[in-house]
Amino acid sequence: MPEGIVYLVGAGPGNPELLTVRAKELIESAQALVYDYLVHPAFMHLVPRDCEMICVGKRKGFHSKPQSEIQAILLRKAKEGKRVVRLKGGDPFLFGRGGEEAKALQEAGIEFEVVPGITAAMGASAYSGIPLTDRNTNATLVFVTGHEDPQKMDTTVDWASLPKKNSMICVYMGVSNLEPMARRLIEGGFPRDTPVACVEWATLGHQRICRGKLDTISEVSKAFGLKAPAIIMVGENAAMSEELSWFEKKPLQGRRFVVTRSRGQASELSAKLERLGAEVIGLPLISITRNIDPQTKEDVFKEIASYDWLVFSSPNGVRFFFEAFFETFEDIRSLGFLRIAAVGKSTAKEIKKYYVTTDLIPDEANAESLADALIATDSMDSAKILVVAGNLGRDVLIDKLEEARAIVDRFEVYKTEQTDLSEQPAAKQFREQGADGILFTSSSGVRSFVEQAKHLQLGDGALRPKTISIGKITSAAMKEMGLPVDLQAKEASLDSLVEAVVKRFGK
């Protein structure tokens, strides 16, 4: 078997949107993913279904794998001929022991590639409003590890020799040693009133900034409850944070929400919440995969030009339908002169990606409203309609159209199944931390959540979430399944849902 290749990849400072394009491509094509504790759970949605996933820990008080064993794993998986992605927080060559792993691969004759990531200090700088350099204050930038005890005689960091003027000192992994570190810097000649900012969970929705001076930061941080991971920034520029910190002004910054969605599916709702400063846990309650019967596909596309209406009940149906369509036809004009209806704006947006216009969108995004809107066109009598759906599609749409004397064919293109949440990283994060709210956008999401509740029991100290519904159909399902409806959007749309969340939880 030919030997594989190992990619030492930087996952960035935490925020999933700060992942590089190259890193995303590699994760999506990985055959084995070896990842650290600080890697955001959202990245797991990019991983192929058949990829082997290996968590190697790496956090204070919990090292699931020693470094020698991590390197052995990389060698073993590469020798199995696999495309291995070693995903590390920040940048692999900056306090990430990536150099040790690269050396081990080189000595074993294993091909490897290093993909840089945005390091934590750069993320903390940008998201806290602290310039790393400024021509009026500093032209020197120092990255230093605070993981070592400054009181040790054999420390490799010479704290007293760090530049004291016109400089910015960025300390990684220094929270537990903040007090002796600050004392050593003062003893080394740093002014006692040097500004200090500690950026906790930089770039994420629950980012916090603890501000003080070199002689007060130890006591201030204790009162603040500062915890790792945090970047400690020492220098005049740290004082700029109070003026330039744009991220703290986001309306949902400091809030955490759970979005129920399918595994691997991009979430427009998550993106909307994250742009408002929220941290989003994408909980993959269900998996959605293509499921098309070959004979049905052949029959449908043989008659595609004879249909009067093509009706889509979800964005997933759109994607899988057109994937199958272009396996049969080369030209979109093969659809003929049929009209197209979509259950809502999100589905219509997906249709638009194929350069096709949607002729009908109901005011409310549900099956009943879609059926009523189609019937209101007065074109249903003897009309031939193709409804594209999944295995759990509700029959109400087809029933109402047939009552209006339409001839309806159902084309199932995908199936929905529950995912295993017992070891899922996002589910683990939810169990440990909880959330301000959990957003439900479909009845199937509600059912899956309730049916898998045993895997989602919150731990002690976890934040108890409010339950939030996109609309009356989803709310009805929540009540039926015994869930309270703490908040409901005015309209059954993502924009209305986000608006309701900002009104309830925003600053």
Protein backbone atom coordinates (compact mmCIF):
# COMPACT_ATOMS: atom_id res chain seq x y z
CA MET A 1 0.00 0.00 0.00
CA PRO A 2 1.43 3.43 -0.91
CA GLU A 3 2.17 5.68 2.05
CA GLY A 4 -0.19 8.57 2.67
CA ILE A 5 0.45 12.18 3.50
CA VAL A 6 0.05 14.24 6.67
CA TYR A 7 -1.15 17.85 6.68
CA LEU A 8 -0.27 19.88 9.78
CA VAL A 9 -3.14 22.36 9.67
CA GLY A 10 -3.83 25.47 11.74
CA ALA A 11 -7.51 25.74 12.72
CA GLY A 12 -7.22 29.40 13.68
CA PRO A 13 -8.09 31.15 16.96
CA GLY A 14 -11.52 29.57 17.44
CA ASN A 15 -14.12 31.32 15.31
CA PRO A 16 -15.07 28.89 12.50
CA GLU A 17 -15.29 31.72 9.96
CA LEU A 18 -11.56 32.39 10.41
CA LEU A 19 -10.56 28.99 9.02
CA THR A 20 -8.44 29.34 5.87
CA VAL A 21 -9.74 28.16 2.51
CA ARG A 22 -6.91 25.63 2.24
CA ALA A 23 -7.66 24.21 5.69
CA LYS A 24 -11.33 23.81 4.79
CA GLU A 25 -10.45 21.95 1.60
CA LEU A 26 -8.19 19.54 3.48
CA ILE A 27 -10.71 18.82 6.25
CA GLU A 28 -13.38 18.09 3.63
CA SER A 29 -11.13 15.53 1.96
CA ALA A 30 -9.51 13.99 5.06
CA GLN A 31 -9.44 10.23 5.57
CA ALA A 32 -8.18 10.57 9.14
CA LEU A 33 -8.59 13.67 11.33
CA VAL A 34 -6.38 14.00 14.41
CA TYR A 35 -7.61 17.03 16.35
CA ASP A 36 -7.07 18.95 19.60
CA TYR A 37 -9.51 19.95 22.33
CA LEU A 38 -9.63 23.63 21.30
CA VAL A 39 -10.68 22.89 17.73
CA HIS A 40 -14.21 24.24 17.24
CA PRO A 41 -16.92 21.53 16.99
CA ALA A 42 -18.29 23.26 13.86
CA PHE A 43 -15.30 21.94 11.91
CA MET A 44 -16.55 18.40 12.49
CA HIS A 45 -19.45 19.13 10.13
CA LEU A 46 -16.93 19.45 7.29
CA VAL A 47 -15.48 15.98 7.77
CA PRO A 48 -16.43 13.23 5.28
CA ARG A 49 -18.67 10.51 6.70
CA ASP A 50 -16.05 7.79 6.29
CA CYS A 51 -13.25 9.84 7.88
CA GLU A 52 -11.65 8.34 10.99
CA MET A 53 -11.76 10.95 13.79
CA ILE A 54 -9.22 10.86 16.62
CA CYS A 55 -9.34 13.37 19.48
CA VAL A 56 -5.97 13.74 21.19
CA GLY A 57 -7.04 16.12 23.96
CA LYS A 58 -4.48 18.80 24.79
CA ARG A 59 -5.97 20.93 27.55
CA LYS A 60 -4.95 21.79 31.09
CA GLY A 61 -5.46 18.85 33.41
CA PHE A 62 -6.43 16.49 30.59
CA HIS A 63 -3.97 15.04 28.10
CA SER A 64 -5.70 12.10 26.47
CA LYS A 65 -2.60 11.32 24.40
CA PRO A 66 1.05 12.12 25.17
CA GLN A 67 2.96 13.85 22.38
CA SER A 68 4.92 10.71 21.51
CA GLU A 69 1.68 8.79 20.99
CA ILE A 70 0.21 11.57 18.84
CA GLN A 71 3.24 11.36 16.59
CA ALA A 72 2.93 7.58 16.48
CA ILE A 73 -0.71 7.94 15.39
CA LEU A 74 0.27 10.27 12.55
CA LEU A 75 2.94 7.83 11.36
CA ARG A 76 0.64 4.84 11.61
CA LYS A 77 -2.24 6.42 9.72
CA ALA A 78 0.06 7.72 7.00
CA LYS A 79 1.59 4.27 6.58
CA GLU A 80 -1.94 2.92 6.14
CA GLY A 81 -2.02 5.07 3.01
CA LYS A 82 -4.42 7.64 4.44
CA ARG A 83 -4.73 11.35 3.82
CA VAL A 84 -4.21 12.57 7.39
CA VAL A 85 -5.14 16.01 8.68
CA ARG A 86 -3.55 16.99 11.99
CA LEU A 87 -5.81 19.87 13.04
CA LYS A 88 -4.32 22.16 15.67
CA GLY A 89 -5.67 25.31 17.29
CA GLY A 90 -4.10 28.55 16.06
CA ASP A 91 -0.99 27.99 13.96
CA PRO A 92 0.83 24.62 13.98
CA PHE A 93 4.27 26.18 14.27
CA LEU A 94 3.52 28.64 17.09
CA PHE A 95 3.46 26.97 20.52
CA GLY A 96 1.70 24.07 18.87
CA ARG A 97 4.51 21.48 18.81
CA GLY A 98 4.03 21.27 15.07
CA GLY A 99 7.78 21.35 14.61
CA GLU A 100 8.16 18.16 16.64
CA GLU A 101 5.51 16.42 14.56
CA ALA A 102 7.04 17.63 11.29
CA LYS A 103 10.45 16.36 12.39
CA ALA A 104 9.03 12.95 13.29
CA LEU A 105 7.36 12.70 9.88
CA GLN A 106 10.51 13.80 8.08
CA GLU A 107 12.64 11.23 9.91
CA ALA A 108 10.14 8.50 9.02
CA GLY A 109 10.15 9.52 5.36
CA ILE A 110 6.47 10.51 5.43
CA GLU A 111 5.38 13.28 3.08
CA PHE A 112 3.87 16.25 4.91
CA GLU A 113 2.61 19.78 4.33
CA VAL A 114 2.19 22.65 6.79
CA VAL A 115 -0.87 24.89 6.47
CA PRO A 116 -0.64 28.06 8.60
CA GLY A 117 -3.54 29.34 10.64
CA ILE A 118 -4.41 32.65 12.28
CA THR A 119 -2.63 32.44 15.60
CA ALA A 120 -4.47 33.17 18.85
CA ALA A 121 -2.68 36.48 19.51
CA MET A 122 -3.71 37.83 16.12
CA GLY A 123 -7.30 36.76 16.69
CA ALA A 124 -7.32 38.28 20.18
CA SER A 125 -5.78 41.47 18.82
CA ALA A 126 -8.37 41.91 16.08
CA TYR A 127 -11.41 40.98 18.18
CA SER A 128 -10.42 43.06 21.22
CA GLY A 129 -9.33 46.23 19.41
CA ILE A 130 -5.68 45.95 20.47
CA PRO A 131 -3.24 46.65 17.59
CA LEU A 132 -0.20 44.39 17.80
CA THR A 133 1.92 47.21 16.39
CA ASP A 134 1.42 50.95 16.17
CA ARG A 135 3.95 53.44 14.87
CA ASN A 136 3.23 55.79 17.79
CA THR A 137 3.67 53.22 20.54
CA ASN A 138 5.61 50.16 19.45
CA ALA A 139 7.56 48.56 16.65
CA THR A 140 8.48 45.44 18.62
CA LEU A 141 6.21 42.43 19.04
CA VAL A 142 7.03 39.46 21.26
CA PHE A 143 5.20 36.13 21.49
CA VAL A 144 6.09 34.21 24.64
CA THR A 145 4.75 31.15 26.42
CA GLY A 146 3.51 31.55 29.97
CA HIS A 147 3.09 27.81 30.40
CA GLU A 148 6.38 27.61 32.27
CA ASP A 149 6.45 28.71 35.91
CA PRO A 150 8.39 32.02 35.97
CA GLN A 151 9.81 31.00 39.40
CA LYS A 152 11.58 27.96 37.96
CA MET A 153 15.35 28.24 37.90
CA ASP A 154 15.54 26.48 34.53
CA THR A 155 12.84 28.48 32.73
CA THR A 156 13.64 29.09 29.06
CA VAL A 157 11.93 32.50 29.14
CA ASP A 158 14.15 35.34 30.35
CA TRP A 159 11.35 37.59 31.62
CA ALA A 160 13.72 40.30 32.81
CA SER A 161 15.23 40.66 29.34
CA LEU A 162 11.98 41.15 27.45
CA PRO A 163 11.87 44.59 25.77
CA LYS A 164 10.32 47.11 28.15
CA LYS A 165 9.83 50.11 25.88
CA ASN A 166 7.95 50.50 22.62
CA SER A 167 6.90 46.87 22.68
CA MET A 168 3.87 44.58 22.90
CA ILE A 169 4.21 41.31 24.79
CA CYS A 170 1.69 38.57 23.96
CA VAL A 171 1.68 35.72 26.45
CA TYR A 172 0.19 32.34 25.52
CA MET A 173 -0.99 29.80 28.12
CA GLY A 174 -0.22 32.12 31.02
CA VAL A 175 -3.45 32.33 33.04
CA SER A 176 -2.34 29.95 35.81
CA ASN A 177 0.99 31.81 36.15
CA LEU A 178 -0.35 35.35 35.76
CA GLU A 179 0.62 36.53 39.25
CA PRO A 180 4.30 35.40 39.28
CA MET A 181 4.65 36.43 35.63
CA ALA A 182 3.45 39.99 36.34
CA ARG A 183 5.70 40.21 39.38
CA ARG A 184 8.72 39.01 37.37
CA LEU A 185 8.06 41.62 34.66
CA ILE A 186 7.85 44.41 37.24
CA GLU A 187 11.04 43.19 38.88
CA GLY A 188 12.66 43.21 35.44
CA GLY A 189 11.93 46.89 34.95
CA PHE A 190 8.45 47.10 33.41
CA PRO A 191 6.49 50.12 34.73
CA ARG A 192 3.88 49.04 37.28
CA ASP A 193 1.16 50.94 35.40
CA THR A 194 1.77 49.17 32.08
CA PRO A 195 -1.67 48.37 30.58
CA VAL A 196 -2.65 44.69 30.46
CA ALA A 197 -5.58 43.03 28.70
CA CYS A 198 -6.43 39.34 29.03
CA VAL A 199 -8.63 38.14 26.15
CA GLU A 200 -10.50 34.97 27.12
CA TRP A 201 -11.90 32.69 24.38
CA ALA A 202 -10.81 35.16 21.71
CA THR A 203 -12.96 35.54 18.56
CA LEU A 204 -15.84 33.45 19.95
CA GLY A 205 -19.26 34.65 21.03
CA HIS A 206 -18.39 34.22 24.72
CA GLN A 207 -15.15 36.19 24.43
CA ARG A 208 -14.41 38.32 27.49
CA ILE A 209 -11.74 40.94 28.15
CA CYS A 210 -10.19 41.46 31.57
CA ARG A 211 -8.40 44.83 31.75
CA GLY A 212 -5.96 46.17 34.31
CA LYS A 213 -2.40 47.31 34.97
CA LEU A 214 0.65 45.15 35.50
CA ASP A 215 0.50 45.68 39.29
CA THR A 216 -3.27 45.08 39.54
CA ILE A 217 -4.04 42.49 36.90
CA SER A 218 -3.59 39.53 39.26
CA GLU A 219 -6.28 40.70 41.69
CA VAL A 220 -8.50 42.02 38.90
CA SER A 221 -8.36 38.69 37.08
CA LYS A 222 -9.38 36.79 40.22
CA ALA A 223 -12.44 38.99 40.70
CA PHE A 224 -13.16 38.68 36.96
CA GLY A 225 -12.99 34.89 37.13
CA LEU A 226 -10.48 34.68 34.28
CA LYS A 227 -10.00 31.18 32.92
CA ALA A 228 -7.97 29.55 30.17
CA PRO A 229 -7.72 29.77 27.25
CA ALA A 230 -6.72 33.42 27.22
CA ILE A 231 -4.09 35.59 25.58
CA ILE A 232 -2.39 38.08 27.92
CA MET A 233 -1.36 41.30 26.17
CA VAL A 234 1.08 43.63 27.92
CA GLY A 235 1.93 47.07 26.53
CA GLU A 236 0.59 50.55 25.83
CA ASN A 237 -1.61 49.26 23.00
CA ALA A 238 -3.61 47.14 25.45
CA ALA A 239 -5.26 50.37 26.65
CA MET A 240 -6.72 50.91 23.17
CA SER A 241 -9.14 48.05 23.72
CA GLU A 242 -11.74 50.14 25.55
CA GLU A 243 -11.99 52.48 22.56
CA LEU A 244 -11.48 50.12 19.63
CA SER A 245 -13.20 46.92 20.81
CA TRP A 246 -15.84 46.53 18.08
CA PHE A 247 -16.76 42.91 18.79
CA GLU A 248 -18.06 43.63 22.30
CA LYS A 249 -20.59 46.02 20.77
CA LYS A 250 -22.30 43.29 18.73
CA PRO A 251 -25.89 42.83 19.99
CA LEU A 252 -25.56 39.09 20.69
CA GLN A 253 -21.92 39.04 21.83
CA GLY A 254 -21.64 36.99 25.00
CA ARG A 255 -24.66 34.85 24.10
CA ARG A 256 -24.63 31.18 23.12
CA PHE A 257 -27.33 29.50 21.02
CA VAL A 258 -27.96 25.98 19.80
CA VAL A 259 -29.06 25.60 16.20
CA THR A 260 -30.54 22.21 15.35
CA ARG A 261 -29.49 21.14 11.91
CA SER A 262 -28.40 18.18 9.84
CA ARG A 263 -24.83 16.92 9.95
CA GLY A 264 -22.65 18.56 7.33
CA GLN A 265 -25.31 21.06 6.23
CA ALA A 266 -24.32 24.70 6.01
CA SER A 267 -26.55 26.80 8.21
CA GLU A 268 -27.73 30.20 7.08
CA LEU A 269 -29.23 30.71 10.53
CA SER A 270 -25.89 30.04 12.24
CA ALA A 271 -24.17 32.57 9.98
CA LYS A 272 -26.77 35.23 10.77
CA LEU A 273 -26.37 34.72 14.53
CA GLU A 274 -22.57 34.65 14.40
CA ARG A 275 -22.44 37.92 12.47
CA LEU A 276 -24.35 39.47 15.36
CA GLY A 277 -21.67 38.28 17.78
CA ALA A 278 -23.30 35.10 19.12
CA GLU A 279 -21.56 31.82 19.66
CA VAL A 280 -23.43 29.04 17.87
CA ILE A 281 -23.42 25.35 18.68
CA GLY A 282 -24.52 23.50 15.56
CA LEU A 283 -26.18 20.42 16.99
CA PRO A 284 -26.39 17.73 14.28
CA LEU A 285 -29.53 15.95 15.43
CA ILE A 286 -30.14 14.40 12.04
CA SER A 287 -28.17 13.37 9.00
CA ILE A 288 -29.53 13.99 5.53
CA THR A 289 -28.28 11.89 2.64
CA ARG A 290 -29.27 11.38 -0.96
CA ASN A 291 -31.82 8.62 -1.41
CA ILE A 292 -33.14 8.24 -4.96
CA ASP A 293 -34.61 5.08 -6.41
CA PRO A 294 -32.99 4.57 -9.87
CA GLN A 295 -36.20 3.44 -11.54
CA THR A 296 -38.19 6.35 -10.09
CA LYS A 297 -35.49 8.76 -11.23
CA GLU A 298 -35.66 7.36 -14.75
CA ASP A 299 -39.46 7.56 -14.83
CA VAL A 300 -39.59 11.12 -13.48
CA PHE A 301 -37.00 12.59 -15.81
CA LYS A 302 -38.50 10.79 -18.80
CA GLU A 303 -41.68 12.77 -18.16
CA ILE A 304 -40.17 15.94 -16.66
CA ALA A 305 -41.31 18.25 -19.48
CA SER A 306 -44.91 17.14 -19.05
CA TYR A 307 -45.34 18.56 -15.55
CA ASP A 308 -47.13 21.86 -14.97
CA TRP A 309 -45.59 22.55 -11.56
CA LEU A 310 -42.34 21.50 -9.88
CA VAL A 311 -42.73 21.94 -6.11
CA PHE A 312 -39.84 21.98 -3.62
CA SER A 313 -40.54 21.53 0.09
CA SER A 314 -36.97 22.14 1.37
CA PRO A 315 -33.50 23.37 0.33
CA ASN A 316 -32.23 19.78 0.68
CA GLY A 317 -34.73 18.65 -1.94
CA VAL A 318 -33.47 21.35 -4.30
CA ARG A 319 -29.85 20.26 -3.97
CA PHE A 320 -30.45 16.56 -4.46
CA PHE A 321 -32.98 17.06 -7.25
CA PHE A 322 -30.66 19.16 -9.39
CA GLU A 323 -27.73 16.88 -8.66
CA ALA A 324 -29.76 14.00 -10.12
CA PHE A 325 -31.15 16.20 -12.90
CA PHE A 326 -27.71 17.10 -14.26
CA GLU A 327 -26.69 13.46 -14.18
CA THR A 328 -29.41 12.93 -16.79
CA PHE A 329 -29.46 16.24 -18.69
CA GLU A 330 -26.80 18.72 -19.75
CA ASP A 331 -29.05 21.76 -20.16
CA ILE A 332 -31.38 23.39 -17.60
CA ARG A 333 -33.81 24.01 -20.47
CA SER A 334 -34.63 20.31 -20.37
CA LEU A 335 -37.00 21.22 -17.53
CA GLY A 336 -39.41 22.47 -20.17
CA PHE A 337 -42.00 25.17 -19.49
CA LEU A 338 -43.14 24.09 -16.04
CA ARG A 339 -43.58 26.54 -13.19
CA ILE A 340 -41.68 26.25 -9.91
CA ALA A 341 -42.94 26.69 -6.34
CA ALA A 342 -40.88 26.80 -3.13
CA VAL A 343 -42.06 26.36 0.44
CA GLY A 344 -40.15 29.44 1.62
CA LYS A 345 -37.46 32.03 0.93
CA SER A 346 -34.58 29.75 1.95
CA THR A 347 -35.71 27.10 -0.52
CA ALA A 348 -36.16 29.75 -3.25
CA LYS A 349 -32.65 31.02 -2.52
CA GLU A 350 -31.29 27.51 -3.10
CA ILE A 351 -33.22 27.25 -6.39
CA LYS A 352 -31.70 30.53 -7.56
CA LYS A 353 -28.22 28.96 -7.37
CA TYR A 354 -29.19 26.95 -10.47
CA TYR A 355 -30.20 30.11 -12.35
CA VAL A 356 -33.85 29.21 -12.17
CA THR A 357 -36.65 31.59 -11.15
CA THR A 358 -39.18 30.60 -8.51
CA ASP A 359 -42.72 31.45 -9.60
CA LEU A 360 -44.49 31.03 -6.27
CA ILE A 361 -43.47 31.47 -2.62
CA PRO A 362 -46.15 31.45 0.11
CA ASP A 363 -46.26 34.09 2.83
CA GLU A 364 -45.55 31.46 5.50
CA ALA A 365 -42.95 28.73 5.09
CA ASN A 366 -45.01 25.61 5.76
CA ALA A 367 -46.77 22.89 3.77
CA GLU A 368 -50.27 24.23 4.42
CA SER A 369 -49.46 27.72 3.17
CA LEU A 370 -47.68 26.31 0.11
CA ALA A 371 -50.71 24.18 -0.79
CA ASP A 372 -53.10 27.12 -0.27
CA ALA A 373 -50.94 29.39 -2.44
CA LEU A 374 -50.85 26.82 -5.26
CA ILE A 375 -54.61 26.30 -5.06
CA ALA A 376 -55.14 30.07 -5.16
CA THR A 377 -53.57 30.16 -8.65
CA ASP A 378 -56.68 28.36 -9.97
CA SER A 379 -54.42 26.07 -11.99
CA MET A 380 -54.74 22.85 -10.02
CA ASP A 381 -57.65 21.16 -11.83
CA SER A 382 -56.05 18.26 -13.77
CA ALA A 383 -52.61 19.91 -13.37
CA LYS A 384 -49.68 17.51 -13.29
CA ILE A 385 -47.47 18.31 -10.29
CA LEU A 386 -44.14 16.89 -9.16
CA VAL A 387 -43.47 17.32 -5.42
CA VAL A 388 -39.80 16.87 -4.46
CA ALA A 389 -39.46 15.70 -0.86
CA GLY A 390 -37.61 13.51 1.62
CA ASN A 391 -38.62 10.35 3.42
CA LEU A 392 -40.19 12.30 6.30
CA GLY A 393 -42.11 14.78 4.17
CA ARG A 394 -45.57 15.62 5.50
CA ASP A 395 -48.52 14.35 3.43
CA VAL A 396 -50.62 17.48 4.01
CA LEU A 397 -49.23 19.20 0.88
CA ILE A 398 -50.03 16.30 -1.45
CA ASP A 399 -53.40 15.65 0.18
CA LYS A 400 -54.59 19.23 -0.26
CA LEU A 401 -53.39 19.40 -3.88
CA GLU A 402 -55.16 16.15 -4.73
CA GLU A 403 -58.32 17.48 -3.10
CA ALA A 404 -58.04 20.38 -5.55
CA ARG A 405 -58.10 17.76 -8.38
CA ALA A 406 -54.38 17.96 -9.18
CA ILE A 407 -52.44 14.90 -10.37
CA VAL A 408 -49.52 14.67 -7.94
CA ASP A 409 -46.34 12.59 -8.15
CA ARG A 410 -44.00 12.44 -5.17
CA PHE A 411 -40.26 12.27 -5.92
CA GLU A 412 -38.24 11.28 -2.85
CA VAL A 413 -34.63 12.44 -3.21
CA TYR A 414 -33.21 12.25 0.33
CA LYS A 415 -33.63 10.49 3.63
CA THR A 416 -33.40 11.86 7.15
CA GLU A 417 -31.91 9.80 9.97
CA GLN A 418 -30.91 10.50 13.56
CA THR A 419 -27.23 10.95 14.31
CA ASP A 420 -25.35 9.38 17.21
CA LEU A 421 -24.81 12.19 19.72
CA SER A 422 -23.10 10.15 22.43
CA GLU A 423 -19.57 11.16 21.33
CA GLN A 424 -20.41 14.10 19.07
CA PRO A 425 -18.22 17.17 19.93
CA ALA A 426 -21.04 19.71 19.57
CA ALA A 427 -23.32 17.64 21.82
CA LYS A 428 -20.51 17.35 24.37
CA GLN A 429 -20.07 21.13 24.33
CA PHE A 430 -23.81 21.61 24.90
CA ARG A 431 -23.85 19.15 27.81
CA GLU A 432 -20.92 20.91 29.48
CA GLN A 433 -21.81 24.56 28.83
CA GLY A 434 -25.51 24.74 27.99
CA ALA A 435 -26.80 27.77 26.07
CA ASP A 436 -28.97 30.88 26.30
CA GLY A 437 -31.42 29.43 23.82
CA ILE A 438 -32.06 26.51 21.50
CA LEU A 439 -33.64 27.35 18.15
CA PHE A 440 -36.03 24.96 16.43
CA THR A 441 -36.79 25.52 12.75
CA SER A 442 -38.77 22.37 11.95
CA SER A 443 -41.03 19.76 13.50
CA SER A 444 -38.53 17.03 12.63
CA GLY A 445 -35.84 18.91 14.57
CA VAL A 446 -38.12 19.03 17.60
CA ARG A 447 -38.83 15.31 17.42
CA SER A 448 -35.16 14.43 17.03
CA PHE A 449 -34.21 16.62 20.00
CA VAL A 450 -36.77 15.01 22.29
CA GLU A 451 -35.99 11.47 21.10
CA GLN A 452 -32.27 11.99 21.74
CA ALA A 453 -32.67 13.90 25.01
CA LYS A 454 -30.77 11.21 26.93
CA HIS A 455 -27.61 12.24 25.06
CA LEU A 456 -28.20 15.94 25.82
CA GLN A 457 -28.52 16.01 29.61
CA LEU A 458 -26.92 19.20 30.93
CA GLY A 459 -24.18 18.97 33.52
CA ASP A 460 -23.93 20.89 36.76
CA GLY A 461 -23.40 24.59 36.14
CA ALA A 462 -24.47 24.44 32.49
CA LEU A 463 -26.73 27.27 31.32
CA ARG A 464 -30.36 26.18 30.92
CA PRO A 465 -31.60 27.29 27.49
CA LYS A 466 -34.85 28.95 26.51
CA THR A 467 -36.69 27.13 23.71
CA ILE A 468 -37.32 29.20 20.60
CA SER A 469 -39.57 28.39 17.63
CA ILE A 470 -39.54 29.66 14.05
CA GLY A 471 -43.33 29.54 13.72
CA LYS A 472 -46.68 28.09 14.68
CA ILE A 473 -46.18 24.68 13.01
CA THR A 474 -42.92 24.11 14.88
CA SER A 475 -44.48 25.49 18.08
CA ALA A 476 -47.33 23.00 17.78
CA ALA A 477 -44.81 20.18 17.50
CA MET A 478 -42.94 21.48 20.56
CA LYS A 479 -46.10 21.56 22.65
CA GLU A 480 -47.09 18.10 21.43
CA MET A 481 -43.70 16.73 22.48
CA GLY A 482 -43.82 18.42 25.88
CA LEU A 483 -41.39 21.28 25.21
CA PRO A 484 -42.27 24.81 26.33
CA VAL A 485 -42.32 27.60 23.74
CA ASP A 486 -40.45 30.45 25.40
CA LEU A 487 -40.23 32.54 22.24
CA GLN A 488 -41.76 32.37 18.76
CA ALA A 489 -40.89 34.40 15.67
CA LYS A 490 -43.63 36.67 14.32
CA GLU A 491 -43.21 35.16 10.85
CA ALA A 492 -41.97 31.71 9.84
CA SER A 493 -38.70 32.97 8.38
CA LEU A 494 -35.06 33.01 9.44
CA ASP A 495 -34.92 36.82 9.43
CA SER A 496 -37.95 37.04 11.70
CA LEU A 497 -36.48 34.38 13.99
CA VAL A 498 -33.18 36.26 14.31
CA GLU A 499 -35.07 39.51 14.90
CA ALA A 500 -36.98 37.89 17.78
CA VAL A 501 -33.74 36.54 19.29
CA VAL A 502 -32.04 39.94 19.15
CA LYS A 503 -35.07 41.62 20.74
CA ARG A 504 -35.14 39.07 23.59
CA PHE A 505 -31.41 38.49 24.20
CA GLY A 506 -29.62 41.44 22.60
CA LYS A 507 -27.73 44.17 24.38
